[in-house]
PDB file of N, CA and C in Angstrom:
ATOM      1  N   MET A   1       2.402  12.125  -3.810  1.00  0.00           N
ATOM      2  CA  MET A   1       3.099  12.203  -2.269  1.00  0.00           C
ATOM      3  C   MET A   1       2.779  13.554  -2.088  1.00  0.00           C
ATOM      4  N   LYS A   2       2.191  14.085  -0.780  1.00  0.00           N
ATOM      5  CA  LYS A   2       2.366  15.563  -0.514  1.00  0.00           C
ATOM      6  C   LYS A   2       2.631  15.711   0.983  1.00  0.00           C
ATOM      7  N   LYS A   3       3.619  16.378   1.385  1.00  0.00           N
ATOM      8  CA  LYS A   3       3.815  16.736   2.584  1.00  0.00           C
ATOM      9  C   LYS A   3       2.880  17.787   3.799  1.00  0.00           C
ATOM     10  N   LEU A   4       2.419  17.236   4.524  1.00  0.00           N
ATOM     11  CA  LEU A   4       1.414  18.020   5.274  1.00  0.00           C
ATOM     12  C   LEU A   4       2.257  18.984   6.271  1.00  0.00           C
ATOM     13  N   ALA A   5       1.343  19.975   6.560  1.00  0.00           N
ATOM     14  CA  ALA A   5       1.775  21.047   7.918  1.00  0.00           C
ATOM     15  C   ALA A   5       2.408  20.175   9.051  1.00  0.00           C
ATOM     16  N   ASP A   6       1.701  19.353   9.476  1.00  0.00           N
ATOM     17  CA  ASP A   6       2.077  18.431  10.716  1.00  0.00           C
ATOM     18  C   ASP A   6       3.220  17.624  10.714  1.00  0.00           C
ATOM     19  N   GLY A   7       3.949  17.608   9.286  1.00  0.00           N
ATOM     20  CA  GLY A   7       4.781  16.485   9.234  1.00  0.00           C
ATOM     21  C   GLY A   7       4.666  15.348   8.469  1.00  0.00           C
ATOM     22  N   ARG A   8       3.260  14.935   8.588  1.00  0.00           N
ATOM     23  CA  ARG A   8       3.023  13.489   7.966  1.00  0.00           C
ATOM     24  C   ARG A   8       2.875  13.874   6.514  1.00  0.00           C
ATOM     25  N   TYR A   9       2.419  12.571   5.678  1.00  0.00           N
ATOM     26  CA  TYR A   9       2.344  12.516   4.386  1.00  0.00           C
ATOM     27  C   TYR A   9       1.335  12.048   3.924  1.00  0.00           C
ATOM     28  N   GLU A  10       0.652  12.753   2.564  1.00  0.00           N
ATOM     29  CA  GLU A  10      -0.516  12.147   2.272  1.00  0.00           C
ATOM     30  C   GLU A  10       0.215  11.492   1.151  1.00  0.00           C
ATOM     31  N   VAL A  11      -0.270  10.145   0.931  1.00  0.00           N
ATOM     32  CA  VAL A  11       0.231   9.054  -0.122  1.00  0.00           C
ATOM     33  C   VAL A  11      -0.995   8.409  -0.761  1.00  0.00           C
ATOM     34  N   THR A  12      -1.035   8.618  -2.178  1.00  0.00           N
ATOM     35  CA  THR A  12      -1.788   7.652  -2.809  1.00  0.00           C
ATOM     36  C   THR A  12      -1.509   6.445  -3.266  1.00  0.00           C
ATOM     37  N   LEU A  13      -1.803   5.447  -3.379  1.00  0.00           N
ATOM     38  CA  LEU A  13      -1.342   4.139  -4.029  1.00  0.00           C
ATOM     39  C   LEU A  13      -2.611   3.630  -4.765  1.00  0.00           C
ATOM     40  N   ARG A  14      -1.850   2.913  -6.056  1.00  0.00           N
ATOM     41  CA  ARG A  14      -2.704   2.785  -7.139  1.00  0.00           C
ATOM     42  C   ARG A  14      -2.427   1.401  -7.552  1.00  0.00           C
ATOM     43  N   TYR A  15      -3.229   0.112  -7.674  1.00  0.00           N
ATOM     44  CA  TYR A  15      -3.146  -0.974  -8.200  1.00  0.00           C
ATOM     45  C   TYR A  15      -3.909  -1.100  -9.249  1.00  0.00           C
ATOM     46  N   LYS A  16      -3.115  -1.747 -10.432  1.00  0.00           N
ATOM     47  CA  LYS A  16      -4.275  -2.185 -11.732  1.00  0.00           C
ATOM     48  C   LYS A  16      -4.436  -3.739 -11.631  1.00  0.00           C
ATOM     49  N   GLY A  17      -5.619  -4.315 -11.519  1.00  0.00           N
ATOM     50  CA  GLY A  17      -5.856  -5.742 -11.365  1.00  0.00           C
ATOM     51  C   GLY A  17      -7.184  -5.974 -12.057  1.00  0.00           C
ATOM     52  N   ARG A  18      -7.797  -7.161 -11.896  1.00  0.00           N
ATOM     53  CA  ARG A  18      -8.772  -7.442 -12.479  1.00  0.00           C
ATOM     54  C   ARG A  18     -10.172  -6.734 -11.728  1.00  0.00           C
ATOM     55  N   SER A  19     -11.145  -6.293 -12.535  1.00  0.00           N
ATOM     56  CA  SER A  19     -12.275  -5.651 -12.475  1.00  0.00           C
ATOM     57  C   SER A  19     -12.932  -6.882 -11.572  1.00  0.00           C
ATOM     58  N   GLY A  20     -13.808  -6.088 -10.531  1.00  0.00           N
ATOM     59  CA  GLY A  20     -14.576  -7.320  -9.874  1.00  0.00           C
ATOM     60  C   GLY A  20     -13.747  -7.607  -8.601  1.00  0.00           C
ATOM     61  N   SER A  21     -12.450  -7.269  -8.521  1.00  0.00           N
ATOM     62  CA  SER A  21     -11.687  -7.645  -7.071  1.00  0.00           C
ATOM     63  C   SER A  21     -11.866  -6.972  -6.039  1.00  0.00           C
ATOM     64  N   ARG A  22     -11.430  -7.396  -4.913  1.00  0.00           N
ATOM     65  CA  ARG A  22     -11.495  -6.492  -3.862  1.00  0.00           C
ATOM     66  C   ARG A  22     -10.158  -6.371  -3.440  1.00  0.00           C
ATOM     67  N   VAL A  23      -9.624  -4.954  -3.199  1.00  0.00           N
ATOM     68  CA  VAL A  23      -8.237  -4.826  -3.053  1.00  0.00           C
ATOM     69  C   VAL A  23      -8.203  -3.795  -1.865  1.00  0.00           C
ATOM     70  N   SER A  24      -6.941  -4.414  -1.146  1.00  0.00           N
ATOM     71  CA  SER A  24      -6.591  -3.455   0.023  1.00  0.00           C
ATOM     72  C   SER A  24      -5.033  -3.212   0.048  1.00  0.00           C
ATOM     73  N   VAL A  25      -4.548  -2.560   0.813  1.00  0.00           N
ATOM     74  CA  VAL A  25      -3.183  -2.099   1.477  1.00  0.00           C
ATOM     75  C   VAL A  25      -2.874  -2.634   2.853  1.00  0.00           C
ATOM     76  N   ALA A  26      -1.648  -3.374   2.842  1.00  0.00           N
ATOM     77  CA  ALA A  26      -1.325  -3.769   4.393  1.00  0.00           C
ATOM     78  C   ALA A  26      -0.289  -3.194   4.365  1.00  0.00           C
ATOM     79  N   GLY A  27       0.280  -2.773   5.756  1.00  0.00           N
ATOM     80  CA  GLY A  27       1.650  -2.663   5.948  1.00  0.00           C
ATOM     81  C   GLY A  27       2.083  -2.525   7.217  1.00  0.00           C
ATOM     82  N   SER A  28       3.188  -2.158   7.039  1.00  0.00           N
ATOM     83  CA  SER A  28       3.931  -1.699   8.672  1.00  0.00           C
ATOM     84  C   SER A  28       3.120  -0.507   9.568  1.00  0.00           C
ATOM     85  N   PHE A  29       2.474   0.347   8.556  1.00  0.00           N
ATOM     86  CA  PHE A  29       1.772   1.574   9.136  1.00  0.00           C
ATOM     87  C   PHE A  29       0.229   0.922   9.666  1.00  0.00           C
ATOM     88  N   ASN A  30      -0.065  -0.067   9.416  1.00  0.00           N
ATOM     89  CA  ASN A  30      -1.235  -0.485   9.881  1.00  0.00           C
ATOM     90  C   ASN A  30      -1.520  -1.857  10.434  1.00  0.00           C
ATOM     91  N   GLY A  31      -0.192  -2.239  11.285  1.00  0.00           N
ATOM     92  CA  GLY A  31      -0.123  -3.970  11.630  1.00  0.00           C
ATOM     93  C   GLY A  31      -0.298  -4.735  10.688  1.00  0.00           C
ATOM     94  N   TRP A  32      -0.153  -4.628   9.469  1.00  0.00           N
ATOM     95  CA  TRP A  32      -0.340  -5.621   8.359  1.00  0.00           C
ATOM     96  C   TRP A  32      -1.778  -5.995   8.333  1.00  0.00           C
ATOM     97  N   ASN A  33      -2.840  -5.406   8.874  1.00  0.00           N
ATOM     98  CA  ASN A  33      -3.919  -5.653   8.924  1.00  0.00           C
ATOM     99  C   ASN A  33      -4.634  -5.483   7.350  1.00  0.00           C
ATOM    100  N   LYS A  34      -5.228  -6.505   6.759  1.00  0.00           N
ATOM    101  CA  LYS A  34      -5.532  -6.554   5.261  1.00  0.00           C
ATOM    102  C   LYS A  34      -6.929  -5.950   5.077  1.00  0.00           C
ATOM    103  N   ASP A  35      -7.699  -5.906   6.400  1.00  0.00           N
ATOM    104  CA  ASP A  35      -8.940  -5.307   6.148  1.00  0.00           C
ATOM    105  C   ASP A  35      -9.040  -3.560   6.515  1.00  0.00           C
ATOM    106  N   GLN A  36      -7.676  -3.282   7.023  1.00  0.00           N
ATOM    107  CA  GLN A  36      -7.992  -1.874   7.512  1.00  0.00           C
ATOM    108  C   GLN A  36      -8.043  -0.677   6.288  1.00  0.00           C
ATOM    109  N   ASN A  37      -7.363  -1.036   5.238  1.00  0.00           N
ATOM    110  CA  ASN A  37      -7.383   0.044   4.275  1.00  0.00           C
ATOM    111  C   ASN A  37      -7.629  -0.446   2.944  1.00  0.00           C
ATOM    112  N   PRO A  38      -9.151  -0.601   2.608  1.00  0.00           N
ATOM    113  CA  PRO A  38      -9.765  -0.976   1.341  1.00  0.00           C
ATOM    114  C   PRO A  38      -9.427  -0.047   0.490  1.00  0.00           C
ATOM    115  N   MET A  39      -9.085  -0.595  -0.795  1.00  0.00           N
ATOM    116  CA  MET A  39      -8.964   0.478  -1.938  1.00  0.00           C
ATOM    117  C   MET A  39     -10.225   0.896  -2.494  1.00  0.00           C
ATOM    118  N   SER A  40     -10.628   1.779  -3.009  1.00  0.00           N
ATOM    119  CA  SER A  40     -11.849   2.120  -3.817  1.00  0.00           C
ATOM    120  C   SER A  40     -11.306   1.425  -5.345  1.00  0.00           C
ATOM    121  N   ASP A  41     -12.700   1.102  -5.857  1.00  0.00           N
ATOM    122  CA  ASP A  41     -12.745   0.389  -7.298  1.00  0.00           C
ATOM    123  C   ASP A  41     -12.874   1.762  -8.057  1.00  0.00           C
ATOM    124  N   LYS A  42     -12.042   2.176  -8.902  1.00  0.00           N
ATOM    125  CA  LYS A  42     -12.145   3.434  -9.865  1.00  0.00           C
ATOM    126  C   LYS A  42     -12.368   2.988 -11.366  1.00  0.00           C
ATOM    127  N   GLY A  43     -12.515   1.788 -11.531  1.00  0.00           N
ATOM    128  CA  GLY A  43     -13.458   1.249 -12.901  1.00  0.00           C
ATOM    129  C   GLY A  43     -12.054   0.701 -13.715  1.00  0.00           C
ATOM    130  N   ASN A  44     -12.420  -0.157 -14.868  1.00  0.00           N
ATOM    131  CA  ASN A  44     -11.376  -0.813 -15.369  1.00  0.00           C
ATOM    132  C   ASN A  44     -10.169  -1.438 -14.660  1.00  0.00           C
ATOM    133  N   GLY A  45     -10.525  -1.989 -13.638  1.00  0.00           N
ATOM    134  CA  GLY A  45      -9.326  -2.849 -12.797  1.00  0.00           C
ATOM    135  C   GLY A  45      -8.461  -1.855 -12.112  1.00  0.00           C
ATOM    136  N   MET A  46      -8.706  -0.395 -12.086  1.00  0.00           N
ATOM    137  CA  MET A  46      -7.868   0.247 -11.439  1.00  0.00           C
ATOM    138  C   MET A  46      -8.539   0.407  -9.640  1.00  0.00           C
ATOM    139  N   PHE A  47      -7.705   0.431  -8.837  1.00  0.00           N
ATOM    140  CA  PHE A  47      -7.730   0.547  -7.359  1.00  0.00           C
ATOM    141  C   PHE A  47      -7.277   1.621  -6.852  1.00  0.00           C
ATOM    142  N   GLU A  48      -7.622   2.341  -5.731  1.00  0.00           N
ATOM    143  CA  GLU A  48      -6.824   3.507  -5.216  1.00  0.00           C
ATOM    144  C   GLU A  48      -7.137   3.688  -3.609  1.00  0.00           C
ATOM    145  N   VAL A  49      -6.154   4.035  -2.947  1.00  0.00           N
ATOM    146  CA  VAL A  49      -6.463   4.386  -1.591  1.00  0.00           C
ATOM    147  C   VAL A  49      -5.439   5.565  -1.325  1.00  0.00           C
ATOM    148  N   THR A  50      -6.011   6.847  -0.587  1.00  0.00           N
ATOM    149  CA  THR A  50      -5.112   7.630  -0.272  1.00  0.00           C
ATOM    150  C   THR A  50      -4.892   7.464   1.208  1.00  0.00           C
ATOM    151  N   LEU A  51      -3.780   7.428   1.874  1.00  0.00           N
ATOM    152  CA  LEU A  51      -3.269   7.308   3.381  1.00  0.00           C
ATOM    153  C   LEU A  51      -2.580   8.600   3.853  1.00  0.00           C
ATOM    154  N   THR A  52      -2.706   8.810   5.081  1.00  0.00           N
ATOM    155  CA  THR A  52      -1.770   9.579   6.006  1.00  0.00           C
ATOM    156  C   THR A  52      -0.766   9.033   6.659  1.00  0.00           C
ATOM    157  N   LEU A  53       0.457   9.011   6.504  1.00  0.00           N
ATOM    158  CA  LEU A  53       1.411   8.365   7.219  1.00  0.00           C
ATOM    159  C   LEU A  53       2.348   9.281   7.759  1.00  0.00           C
ATOM    160  N   ASN A  54       2.964   8.615   8.954  1.00  0.00           N
ATOM    161  CA  ASN A  54       4.167   9.567   9.405  1.00  0.00           C
ATOM    162  C   ASN A  54       5.267   9.588   8.522  1.00  0.00           C
ATOM    163  N   ALA A  55       6.419  10.202   8.804  1.00  0.00           N
ATOM    164  CA  ALA A  55       7.378  10.491   8.102  1.00  0.00           C
ATOM    165  C   ALA A  55       8.289   9.073   8.409  1.00  0.00           C
ATOM    166  N   GLY A  56       9.174   8.331   7.857  1.00  0.00           N
ATOM    167  CA  GLY A  56       9.929   7.378   8.201  1.00  0.00           C
ATOM    168  C   GLY A  56       9.543   6.459   6.978  1.00  0.00           C
ATOM    169  N   ALA A  57      10.047   5.097   7.301  1.00  0.00           N
ATOM    170  CA  ALA A  57       9.937   3.813   6.468  1.00  0.00           C
ATOM    171  C   ALA A  57       8.989   3.186   6.434  1.00  0.00           C
ATOM    172  N   HIS A  58       8.299   2.692   5.384  1.00  0.00           N
ATOM    173  CA  HIS A  58       7.041   1.975   5.598  1.00  0.00           C
ATOM    174  C   HIS A  58       7.047   0.672   4.681  1.00  0.00           C
ATOM    175  N   GLN A  59       6.726  -0.293   5.006  1.00  0.00           N
ATOM    176  CA  GLN A  59       6.771  -1.506   3.908  1.00  0.00           C
ATOM    177  C   GLN A  59       5.240  -1.843   3.904  1.00  0.00           C
ATOM    178  N   TYR A  60       4.814  -2.185   2.712  1.00  0.00           N
ATOM    179  CA  TYR A  60       3.616  -2.659   2.338  1.00  0.00           C
ATOM    180  C   TYR A  60       3.462  -3.791   1.259  1.00  0.00           C
ATOM    181  N   LYS A  61       2.381  -4.054   1.070  1.00  0.00           N
ATOM    182  CA  LYS A  61       1.697  -5.051   0.077  1.00  0.00           C
ATOM    183  C   LYS A  61       0.134  -4.793  -0.246  1.00  0.00           C
ATOM    184  N   PHE A  62      -0.103  -4.895  -1.523  1.00  0.00           N
ATOM    185  CA  PHE A  62      -1.624  -5.259  -1.680  1.00  0.00           C
ATOM    186  C   PHE A  62      -1.976  -6.298  -1.328  1.00  0.00           C
ATOM    187  N   VAL A  63      -3.208  -6.253  -1.093  1.00  0.00           N
ATOM    188  CA  VAL A  63      -3.798  -7.598  -0.878  1.00  0.00           C
ATOM    189  C   VAL A  63      -5.239  -7.849  -1.616  1.00  0.00           C
ATOM    190  N   VAL A  64      -5.186  -8.944  -2.955  1.00  0.00           N
ATOM    191  CA  VAL A  64      -6.331  -9.003  -3.902  1.00  0.00           C
ATOM    192  C   VAL A  64      -7.127 -10.414  -3.108  1.00  0.00           C
ATOM    193  N   ASP A  65      -8.473  -9.866  -2.834  1.00  0.00           N
ATOM    194  CA  ASP A  65      -9.358 -10.695  -2.400  1.00  0.00           C
ATOM    195  C   ASP A  65      -9.138 -11.407  -1.467  1.00  0.00           C
ATOM    196  N   GLY A  66      -8.658 -10.567  -0.153  1.00  0.00           N
ATOM    197  CA  GLY A  66      -8.228 -11.148   1.113  1.00  0.00           C
ATOM    198  C   GLY A  66      -7.105 -12.346   1.059  1.00  0.00           C
ATOM    199  N   GLN A  67      -6.480 -12.669  -0.265  1.00  0.00           N
ATOM    200  CA  GLN A  67      -5.637 -13.866  -0.081  1.00  0.00           C
ATOM    201  C   GLN A  67      -4.410 -13.644  -0.600  1.00  0.00           C
ATOM    202  N   GLN A  68      -4.351 -12.790  -1.932  1.00  0.00           N
ATOM    203  CA  GLN A  68      -3.019 -12.753  -2.459  1.00  0.00           C
ATOM    204  C   GLN A  68      -2.362 -11.549  -2.209  1.00  0.00           C
ATOM    205  N   TRP A  69      -1.348 -11.734  -1.818  1.00  0.00           N
ATOM    206  CA  TRP A  69      -0.438 -10.495  -1.010  1.00  0.00           C
ATOM    207  C   TRP A  69       0.699 -10.524  -2.210  1.00  0.00           C
ATOM    208  N   LEU A  70       0.821  -9.157  -2.969  1.00  0.00           N
ATOM    209  CA  LEU A  70       1.256  -8.785  -3.931  1.00  0.00           C
ATOM    210  C   LEU A  70       2.532  -7.570  -3.849  1.00  0.00           C
ATOM    211  N   THR A  71       3.651  -7.216  -4.040  1.00  0.00           N
ATOM    212  CA  THR A  71       4.156  -6.121  -3.857  1.00  0.00           C
ATOM    213  C   THR A  71       3.775  -5.178  -5.217  1.00  0.00           C
ATOM    214  N   ASP A  72       4.352  -3.791  -5.005  1.00  0.00           N
ATOM    215  CA  ASP A  72       3.390  -2.707  -5.893  1.00  0.00           C
ATOM    216  C   ASP A  72       4.339  -2.699  -7.055  1.00  0.00           C
ATOM    217  N   PRO A  73       3.826  -3.191  -8.150  1.00  0.00           N
ATOM    218  CA  PRO A  73       4.638  -3.278  -9.583  1.00  0.00           C
ATOM    219  C   PRO A  73       5.135  -1.869  -9.978  1.00  0.00           C
ATOM    220  N   LYS A  74       4.438  -0.829  -9.606  1.00  0.00           N
ATOM    221  CA  LYS A  74       4.910   0.668  -9.919  1.00  0.00           C
ATOM    222  C   LYS A  74       5.786   1.162  -8.890  1.00  0.00           C
ATOM    223  N   ASN A  75       6.145   0.227  -7.820  1.00  0.00           N
ATOM    224  CA  ASN A  75       7.352   0.734  -7.059  1.00  0.00           C
ATOM    225  C   ASN A  75       8.367   0.027  -6.835  1.00  0.00           C
ATOM    226  N   SER A  76       9.664   0.161  -7.568  1.00  0.00           N
ATOM    227  CA  SER A  76      10.641  -0.610  -7.352  1.00  0.00           C
ATOM    228  C   SER A  76      11.196  -0.818  -6.026  1.00  0.00           C
ATOM    229  N   LYS A  77      11.484   0.360  -5.106  1.00  0.00           N
ATOM    230  CA  LYS A  77      11.939   0.027  -3.991  1.00  0.00           C
ATOM    231  C   LYS A  77      11.426  -1.294  -3.170  1.00  0.00           C
ATOM    232  N   ARG A  78      12.349  -1.939  -2.427  1.00  0.00           N
ATOM    233  CA  ARG A  78      11.833  -3.329  -1.944  1.00  0.00           C
ATOM    234  C   ARG A  78      12.583  -3.459  -0.742  1.00  0.00           C
ATOM    235  N   GLN A  79      12.185  -4.059   0.425  1.00  0.00           N
ATOM    236  CA  GLN A  79      12.978  -4.439   1.329  1.00  0.00           C
ATOM    237  C   GLN A  79      12.217  -5.542   2.274  1.00  0.00           C
ATOM    238  N   LYS A  80      13.383  -6.546   2.593  1.00  0.00           N
ATOM    239  CA  LYS A  80      12.979  -7.729   3.156  1.00  0.00           C
ATOM    240  C   LYS A  80      12.619  -7.561   4.745  1.00  0.00           C
ATOM    241  N   ASP A  81      11.790  -8.205   4.986  1.00  0.00           N
ATOM    242  CA  ASP A  81      11.315  -8.377   6.704  1.00  0.00           C
ATOM    243  C   ASP A  81      11.847  -9.109   7.450  1.00  0.00           C
ATOM    244  N   SER A  82      11.593  -9.177   8.574  1.00  0.00           N
ATOM    245  CA  SER A  82      12.445 -10.425   9.393  1.00  0.00           C
ATOM    246  C   SER A  82      12.057 -11.740   9.147  1.00  0.00           C
ATOM    247  N   SER A  83      10.836 -12.024   8.486  1.00  0.00           N
ATOM    248  CA  SER A  83      10.767 -13.414   7.965  1.00  0.00           C
ATOM    249  C   SER A  83      11.154 -13.633   6.499  1.00  0.00           C
ATOM    250  N   GLY A  84      12.086 -12.804   5.994  1.00  0.00           N
ATOM    251  CA  GLY A  84      12.688 -12.958   4.646  1.00  0.00           C
ATOM    252  C   GLY A  84      11.528 -12.711   3.524  1.00  0.00           C
ATOM    253  N   ASN A  85      10.415 -12.118   3.621  1.00  0.00           N
ATOM    254  CA  ASN A  85       9.434 -11.565   2.889  1.00  0.00           C
ATOM    255  C   ASN A  85       9.846 -10.592   2.015  1.00  0.00           C
ATOM    256  N   GLU A  86       9.696 -10.366   0.699  1.00  0.00           N
ATOM    257  CA  GLU A  86      10.298  -8.746   0.073  1.00  0.00           C
ATOM    258  C   GLU A  86       8.721  -8.175  -0.026  1.00  0.00           C
ATOM    259  N   ASN A  87       8.829  -6.933   0.546  1.00  0.00           N
ATOM    260  CA  ASN A  87       7.875  -6.047   0.620  1.00  0.00           C
ATOM    261  C   ASN A  87       8.111  -4.859  -0.108  1.00  0.00           C
ATOM    262  N   SER A  88       7.005  -4.026  -0.600  1.00  0.00           N
ATOM    263  CA  SER A  88       7.409  -2.642  -1.190  1.00  0.00           C
ATOM    264  C   SER A  88       7.722  -1.656   0.019  1.00  0.00           C
ATOM    265  N   LEU A  89       8.592  -0.805  -0.602  1.00  0.00           N
ATOM    266  CA  LEU A  89       9.012   0.246   0.503  1.00  0.00           C
ATOM    267  C   LEU A  89       8.466   1.796  -0.026  1.00  0.00           C
ATOM    268  N   LEU A  90       8.015   2.387   1.292  1.00  0.00           N
ATOM    269  CA  LEU A  90       7.776   3.983   1.206  1.00  0.00           C
ATOM    270  C   LEU A  90       8.930   4.370   1.843  1.00  0.00           C
ATOM    271  N   ASP A  91       9.608   5.488   1.558  1.00  0.00           N
ATOM    272  CA  ASP A  91      10.415   6.077   2.317  1.00  0.00           C
ATOM    273  C   ASP A  91      10.136   7.520   2.476  1.00  0.00           C
ATOM    274  N   LEU A  92       9.465   7.824   3.299  1.00  0.00           N
ATOM    275  CA  LEU A  92       8.980   9.285   3.545  1.00  0.00           C
ATOM    276  C   LEU A  92       9.699  10.328   4.383  1.00  0.00           C
ATOM    277  N   GLN A  93      10.552  10.930   3.764  1.00  0.00           N
ATOM    278  CA  GLN A  93      11.613  11.905   4.494  1.00  0.00           C
ATOM    279  C   GLN A  93      11.110  13.356   4.203  1.00  0.00           C
TER     280      GLN A  93
END
């Protein structure tokens, strides 16, 4: 995570999964759009995306093959949404 001069943050998220999968990240920062932020396949099942986000709290999940929504196993911070779903949490201050 890197704070930018304009007050926003550059955040790189990584997910380890099955090779050949299609992985994206959806969250409060993109209207939970599973197609807006695809992750790059770095090989050996490693996927990565770098986002520029405003300061504040952001909930998110990884979306595998367009159907399986998963919390970030490397981020222990969680928050429940208004529907009772548990999401990963980025708190950028």
